[in-house]
Amino acid sequence: MPRNVYHEINLHLVWRTKNNMPMLIDRVENRCWHFLTHRALETPGLFVHEIGGLPDHIHFAVSVPPTLLISEWIGKLKGASSHYINNEICNQKTLEWQAGYGVVSFGTKDTEWVVSYIRNQKAHHANGTIHDRLERIDQPEHANA
């Protein structure tokens, strides 16, 4: 990519375990977050702001280069992470991801808020203070009209 390209592409990503099964618990959760972070950082020009979630889904905030094909990149992350967890951590086919994902862009000024939202997932879900826009993996109804 030429040096004279300016970009601020900040994304909040979310994807779920297959059938919303609570697979991301205990050591699996920490190892999965660690693996995804390091795998993501192999992408030139990418910056990881935060990763977190609950036993049945992941939230990931990143800044990406304009050359990144998001759907392909997420597919590779999901495939590699389930393979790693199933073959290196659990020695069985334990972790599977649902098809699809959610992606929402956010402004650089909102980075602190998005990072805080991800860090406080358990509290948001327990208190009913989730933000639907950051939890979705499907199209909102009005988008299909």
C-alpha atoms as a PDB file:
ATOM      1  CA  MET A   1       0.000   0.000   0.000  1.00  0.00           C
ATOM      2  CA  PRO A   2       1.412   3.437  -0.862  1.00  0.00           C
ATOM      3  CA  ARG A   3       2.600   5.563   2.040  1.00  0.00           C
ATOM      4  CA  ASN A   4       0.370   8.480   1.042  1.00  0.00           C
ATOM      5  CA  VAL A   5      -2.885   6.723   1.952  1.00  0.00           C
ATOM      6  CA  TYR A   6      -4.685   8.050   5.005  1.00  0.00           C
ATOM      7  CA  HIS A   7      -7.270   5.820   6.653  1.00  0.00           C
ATOM      8  CA  GLU A   8      -9.189   5.440   9.890  1.00  0.00           C
ATOM      9  CA  ILE A   9     -11.185   2.256   9.530  1.00  0.00           C
ATOM     10  CA  ASN A  10     -12.332   1.105  12.946  1.00  0.00           C
ATOM     11  CA  LEU A  11     -14.522  -1.971  13.201  1.00  0.00           C
ATOM     12  CA  HIS A  12     -16.456  -3.690  15.949  1.00  0.00           C
ATOM     13  CA  LEU A  13     -16.932  -7.366  15.102  1.00  0.00           C
ATOM     14  CA  VAL A  14     -19.100  -9.988  16.757  1.00  0.00           C
ATOM     15  CA  TRP A  15     -19.659 -13.661  16.039  1.00  0.00           C
ATOM     16  CA  ARG A  16     -21.285 -16.488  17.943  1.00  0.00           C
ATOM     17  CA  THR A  17     -20.608 -20.097  18.783  1.00  0.00           C
ATOM     18  CA  LYS A  18     -22.658 -22.662  16.900  1.00  0.00           C
ATOM     19  CA  ASN A  19     -26.153 -22.924  18.400  1.00  0.00           C
ATOM     20  CA  ASN A  20     -25.050 -20.317  20.979  1.00  0.00           C
ATOM     21  CA  MET A  21     -23.394 -23.049  23.006  1.00  0.00           C
ATOM     22  CA  PRO A  22     -21.370 -21.724  25.974  1.00  0.00           C
ATOM     23  CA  MET A  23     -18.006 -22.979  24.692  1.00  0.00           C
ATOM     24  CA  LEU A  24     -15.780 -20.030  25.602  1.00  0.00           C
ATOM     25  CA  ILE A  25     -15.235 -20.788  29.261  1.00  0.00           C
ATOM     26  CA  ASP A  26     -12.253 -21.136  31.564  1.00  0.00           C
ATOM     27  CA  ARG A  27      -8.992 -21.777  29.731  1.00  0.00           C
ATOM     28  CA  VAL A  28     -10.704 -22.026  26.337  1.00  0.00           C
ATOM     29  CA  GLU A  29     -11.817 -18.387  26.554  1.00  0.00           C
ATOM     30  CA  ASN A  30      -8.358 -17.031  27.405  1.00  0.00           C
ATOM     31  CA  ARG A  31      -6.585 -19.206  24.855  1.00  0.00           C
ATOM     32  CA  CYS A  32      -9.096 -18.253  22.152  1.00  0.00           C
ATOM     33  CA  TRP A  33      -8.734 -14.506  22.838  1.00  0.00           C
ATOM     34  CA  HIS A  34      -4.941 -14.863  22.847  1.00  0.00           C
ATOM     35  CA  PHE A  35      -4.917 -16.858  19.609  1.00  0.00           C
ATOM     36  CA  LEU A  36      -7.295 -14.472  17.809  1.00  0.00           C
ATOM     37  CA  THR A  37      -5.317 -11.418  18.911  1.00  0.00           C
ATOM     38  CA  HIS A  38      -2.008 -12.835  17.720  1.00  0.00           C
ATOM     39  CA  ARG A  39      -3.480 -14.148  14.473  1.00  0.00           C
ATOM     40  CA  ALA A  40      -5.095 -10.766  13.773  1.00  0.00           C
ATOM     41  CA  LEU A  41      -1.813  -8.956  14.411  1.00  0.00           C
ATOM     42  CA  GLU A  42      -0.227 -10.979  11.607  1.00  0.00           C
ATOM     43  CA  THR A  43      -2.250  -8.784   9.249  1.00  0.00           C
ATOM     44  CA  PRO A  44      -0.043  -5.869   8.160  1.00  0.00           C
ATOM     45  CA  GLY A  45      -1.437  -2.499   9.208  1.00  0.00           C
ATOM     46  CA  LEU A  46      -4.001  -3.935  11.619  1.00  0.00           C
ATOM     47  CA  PHE A  47      -4.327  -2.754  15.220  1.00  0.00           C
ATOM     48  CA  VAL A  48      -6.249  -4.663  17.897  1.00  0.00           C
ATOM     49  CA  HIS A  49      -8.053  -2.420  20.387  1.00  0.00           C
ATOM     50  CA  GLU A  50      -9.854  -5.083  22.455  1.00  0.00           C
ATOM     51  CA  ILE A  51     -11.258  -8.599  22.430  1.00  0.00           C
ATOM     52  CA  GLY A  52     -13.752 -10.130  24.818  1.00  0.00           C
ATOM     53  CA  GLY A  53     -17.200 -11.537  25.097  1.00  0.00           C
ATOM     54  CA  LEU A  54     -19.209 -14.201  26.838  1.00  0.00           C
ATOM     55  CA  PRO A  55     -19.187 -17.997  26.665  1.00  0.00           C
ATOM     56  CA  ASP A  56     -21.304 -17.904  23.494  1.00  0.00           C
ATOM     57  CA  HIS A  57     -19.907 -14.963  21.517  1.00  0.00           C
ATOM     58  CA  ILE A  58     -16.889 -12.806  20.751  1.00  0.00           C
ATOM     59  CA  HIS A  59     -16.527  -9.039  20.440  1.00  0.00           C
ATOM     60  CA  PHE A  60     -13.451  -7.722  18.655  1.00  0.00           C
ATOM     61  CA  ALA A  61     -12.498  -4.062  18.078  1.00  0.00           C
ATOM     62  CA  VAL A  62      -9.835  -3.424  15.455  1.00  0.00           C
ATOM     63  CA  SER A  63      -8.510  -0.777  13.119  1.00  0.00           C
ATOM     64  CA  VAL A  64      -7.846  -2.227   9.688  1.00  0.00           C
ATOM     65  CA  PRO A  65      -6.010  -1.203   6.529  1.00  0.00           C
ATOM     66  CA  PRO A  66      -8.125  -0.278   3.500  1.00  0.00           C
ATOM     67  CA  THR A  67      -6.802  -3.303   1.611  1.00  0.00           C
ATOM     68  CA  LEU A  68      -8.371  -5.823   4.004  1.00  0.00           C
ATOM     69  CA  LEU A  69     -11.210  -7.953   2.653  1.00  0.00           C
ATOM     70  CA  ILE A  70     -13.261  -8.197   5.840  1.00  0.00           C
ATOM     71  CA  SER A  71     -15.326 -11.287   5.027  1.00  0.00           C
ATOM     72  CA  GLU A  72     -12.285 -13.304   4.007  1.00  0.00           C
ATOM     73  CA  TRP A  73     -10.269 -12.159   7.019  1.00  0.00           C
ATOM     74  CA  ILE A  74     -13.036 -13.032   9.503  1.00  0.00           C
ATOM     75  CA  GLY A  75     -13.555 -16.411   7.847  1.00  0.00           C
ATOM     76  CA  LYS A  76      -9.874 -17.197   8.262  1.00  0.00           C
ATOM     77  CA  LEU A  77      -9.913 -16.054  11.911  1.00  0.00           C
ATOM     78  CA  LYS A  78     -12.935 -18.182  12.720  1.00  0.00           C
ATOM     79  CA  GLY A  79     -11.566 -21.259  10.966  1.00  0.00           C
ATOM     80  CA  ALA A  80      -8.079 -20.994  12.411  1.00  0.00           C
ATOM     81  CA  SER A  81      -9.321 -20.337  15.950  1.00  0.00           C
ATOM     82  CA  SER A  82     -11.709 -23.302  16.024  1.00  0.00           C
ATOM     83  CA  HIS A  83      -9.002 -25.541  14.562  1.00  0.00           C
ATOM     84  CA  TYR A  84      -6.501 -24.332  17.186  1.00  0.00           C
ATOM     85  CA  ILE A  85      -8.877 -24.789  20.130  1.00  0.00           C
ATOM     86  CA  ASN A  86     -10.133 -28.174  18.934  1.00  0.00           C
ATOM     87  CA  ASN A  87      -6.710 -29.617  18.091  1.00  0.00           C
ATOM     88  CA  GLU A  88      -4.295 -27.915  20.475  1.00  0.00           C
ATOM     89  CA  ILE A  89      -6.378 -27.189  23.576  1.00  0.00           C
ATOM     90  CA  CYS A  90      -9.304 -29.626  23.794  1.00  0.00           C
ATOM     91  CA  ASN A  91      -8.157 -32.516  21.557  1.00  0.00           C
ATOM     92  CA  GLN A  92     -11.723 -32.895  20.306  1.00  0.00           C
ATOM     93  CA  LYS A  93     -14.205 -31.083  18.100  1.00  0.00           C
ATOM     94  CA  THR A  94     -15.563 -28.760  20.762  1.00  0.00           C
ATOM     95  CA  LEU A  95     -15.598 -25.240  19.356  1.00  0.00           C
ATOM     96  CA  GLU A  96     -17.621 -24.411  16.255  1.00  0.00           C
ATOM     97  CA  TRP A  97     -18.789 -20.990  15.068  1.00  0.00           C
ATOM     98  CA  GLN A  98     -22.170 -20.071  13.642  1.00  0.00           C
ATOM     99  CA  ALA A  99     -22.193 -18.910  10.046  1.00  0.00           C
ATOM    100  CA  GLY A 100     -22.055 -15.151   9.699  1.00  0.00           C
ATOM    101  CA  TYR A 101     -20.859 -12.255  11.803  1.00  0.00           C
ATOM    102  CA  GLY A 102     -21.711  -8.683  12.640  1.00  0.00           C
ATOM    103  CA  VAL A 103     -19.523  -5.746  11.708  1.00  0.00           C
ATOM    104  CA  VAL A 104     -20.135  -2.113  12.620  1.00  0.00           C
ATOM    105  CA  SER A 105     -17.779   0.758  11.930  1.00  0.00           C
ATOM    106  CA  PHE A 106     -17.093   3.337  14.605  1.00  0.00           C
ATOM    107  CA  GLY A 107     -15.340   6.684  14.706  1.00  0.00           C
ATOM    108  CA  THR A 108     -11.928   7.075  16.259  1.00  0.00           C
ATOM    109  CA  LYS A 109     -13.463   9.307  18.949  1.00  0.00           C
ATOM    110  CA  ASP A 110     -15.643   6.361  20.000  1.00  0.00           C
ATOM    111  CA  THR A 111     -12.750   3.921  20.471  1.00  0.00           C
ATOM    112  CA  GLU A 112     -12.655   4.323  24.252  1.00  0.00           C
ATOM    113  CA  TRP A 113     -16.413   3.682  24.502  1.00  0.00           C
ATOM    114  CA  VAL A 114     -16.249   0.575  22.271  1.00  0.00           C
ATOM    115  CA  VAL A 115     -13.271  -0.827  24.206  1.00  0.00           C
ATOM    116  CA  SER A 116     -15.098  -0.230  27.496  1.00  0.00           C
ATOM    117  CA  TYR A 117     -18.217  -1.907  26.130  1.00  0.00           C
ATOM    118  CA  ILE A 118     -16.219  -5.009  25.202  1.00  0.00           C
ATOM    119  CA  ARG A 119     -14.362  -5.116  28.532  1.00  0.00           C
ATOM    120  CA  ASN A 120     -17.648  -4.943  30.430  1.00  0.00           C
ATOM    121  CA  GLN A 121     -19.609  -7.546  28.468  1.00  0.00           C
ATOM    122  CA  LYS A 122     -20.563  -9.644  31.485  1.00  0.00           C
ATOM    123  CA  ALA A 123     -21.952  -6.606  33.320  1.00  0.00           C
ATOM    124  CA  HIS A 124     -23.819  -5.330  30.245  1.00  0.00           C
ATOM    125  CA  HIS A 125     -25.529  -8.681  29.737  1.00  0.00           C
ATOM    126  CA  ALA A 126     -26.279  -9.118  33.452  1.00  0.00           C
ATOM    127  CA  ASN A 127     -27.735  -5.596  33.750  1.00  0.00           C
ATOM    128  CA  GLY A 128     -29.584  -5.563  30.428  1.00  0.00           C
ATOM    129  CA  THR A 129     -27.508  -2.623  29.147  1.00  0.00           C
ATOM    130  CA  ILE A 130     -26.411  -4.223  25.888  1.00  0.00           C
ATOM    131  CA  HIS A 131     -26.367  -2.187  22.689  1.00  0.00           C
ATOM    132  CA  ASP A 132     -28.280  -4.148  20.074  1.00  0.00           C
ATOM    133  CA  ARG A 133     -26.244  -2.644  17.241  1.00  0.00           C
ATOM    134  CA  LEU A 134     -23.051  -4.163  18.688  1.00  0.00           C
ATOM    135  CA  GLU A 135     -24.594  -7.551  19.433  1.00  0.00           C
ATOM    136  CA  ARG A 136     -26.224  -8.363  16.081  1.00  0.00           C
ATOM    137  CA  ILE A 137     -25.033 -10.857  13.527  1.00  0.00           C
ATOM    138  CA  ASP A 138     -28.125 -10.537  11.327  1.00  0.00           C
ATOM    139  CA  GLN A 139     -29.647  -7.717   9.293  1.00  0.00           C
ATOM    140  CA  PRO A 140     -32.022  -5.359  11.118  1.00  0.00           C
ATOM    141  CA  GLU A 141     -35.575  -5.710   9.815  1.00  0.00           C
ATOM    142  CA  HIS A 142     -35.646  -2.228   8.249  1.00  0.00           C
ATOM    143  CA  ALA A 143     -32.599  -3.071   6.106  1.00  0.00           C
ATOM    144  CA  ASN A 144     -34.625  -5.641   4.167  1.00  0.00           C
ATOM    145  CA  ALA A 145     -37.434  -3.235   3.263  1.00  0.00           C
END
